[in-house]
Amino acid sequence: MWQACRQLIHRAWRYLRQVSGDDAYERYLRLYAANQERHGHQGPPLSREAFFKAWQQQKWDGIKRCC
């Protein structure tokens, strides 16, 4: 019973982190590692600070309107 409850809480927490973008850096690192094998990136991945700065800039720069 407790194991099922813990699994449910863990899944809910992972879902909330994904929806809110809190796990974006961890997903970036997984994707970077997977693509490094395929494409051979030059240099290390972005730091956490550099990643979030670029992520915020991409999110908010430019025209953001429907019309």
Protein backbone atom coordinates (compact mmCIF):
# COMPACT_ATOMS: atom_id res chain seq x y z
CA MET A 1 0.00 0.00 0.00
CA TRP A 2 2.70 2.49 0.98
CA GLN A 3 4.75 1.56 -2.06
CA ALA A 4 1.85 2.35 -4.39
CA CYS A 5 1.24 5.64 -2.60
CA ARG A 6 4.92 6.58 -2.88
CA GLN A 7 4.93 5.73 -6.60
CA LEU A 8 1.85 7.89 -7.15
CA ILE A 9 3.42 10.83 -5.32
CA HIS A 10 6.67 10.37 -7.25
CA ARG A 11 4.86 10.34 -10.60
CA ALA A 12 2.84 13.42 -9.65
CA TRP A 13 6.03 15.24 -8.61
CA ARG A 14 7.77 14.33 -11.90
CA TYR A 15 4.73 15.53 -13.84
CA LEU A 16 4.62 18.85 -11.97
CA ARG A 17 8.34 19.41 -12.56
CA GLN A 18 7.92 18.68 -16.27
CA VAL A 19 4.88 20.92 -16.70
CA SER A 20 6.48 23.80 -14.80
CA GLY A 21 9.80 23.50 -16.65
CA ASP A 22 11.72 22.79 -13.45
CA ASP A 23 13.35 19.72 -14.99
CA ALA A 24 14.31 21.49 -18.24
CA TYR A 25 18.05 21.45 -17.50
CA GLU A 26 18.06 17.74 -16.68
CA ARG A 27 16.19 17.01 -19.93
CA TYR A 28 18.69 19.22 -21.81
CA LEU A 29 21.63 17.25 -20.39
CA ARG A 30 20.03 13.91 -21.37
CA LEU A 31 19.36 15.17 -24.89
CA TYR A 32 22.86 16.65 -25.15
CA ALA A 33 24.45 13.33 -24.15
CA ALA A 34 22.29 11.38 -26.60
CA ASN A 35 23.03 13.78 -29.45
CA GLN A 36 26.74 13.91 -28.65
CA GLU A 37 27.01 10.25 -29.58
CA ARG A 38 25.22 10.88 -32.87
CA HIS A 39 26.55 14.31 -33.86
CA GLY A 40 29.75 14.75 -31.85
CA HIS A 41 29.19 18.15 -30.21
CA GLN A 42 32.17 20.43 -29.86
CA GLY A 43 32.69 21.50 -26.26
CA PRO A 44 30.88 20.85 -23.02
CA PRO A 45 27.15 21.43 -22.44
CA LEU A 46 25.94 24.77 -21.13
CA SER A 47 26.11 25.44 -17.43
CA ARG A 48 22.83 25.55 -15.51
CA GLU A 49 22.98 29.36 -15.38
CA ALA A 50 23.79 29.75 -19.09
CA PHE A 51 21.05 27.28 -20.02
CA PHE A 52 18.35 29.10 -18.07
CA LYS A 53 19.50 32.48 -19.40
CA ALA A 54 19.25 31.19 -22.99
CA TRP A 55 15.94 29.47 -22.22
CA GLN A 56 14.41 32.66 -20.80
CA GLN A 57 15.76 34.77 -23.66
CA GLN A 58 14.29 32.39 -26.25
CA LYS A 59 10.98 32.36 -24.40
CA TRP A 60 10.57 36.13 -24.06
CA ASP A 61 12.47 37.71 -27.00
CA GLY A 62 10.65 38.73 -30.14
CA ILE A 63 7.07 39.58 -30.88
CA LYS A 64 4.67 37.51 -28.80
CA ARG A 65 1.20 38.28 -30.04
CA CYS A 66 -1.43 36.59 -32.08
CA CYS A 67 -2.32 39.37 -34.52
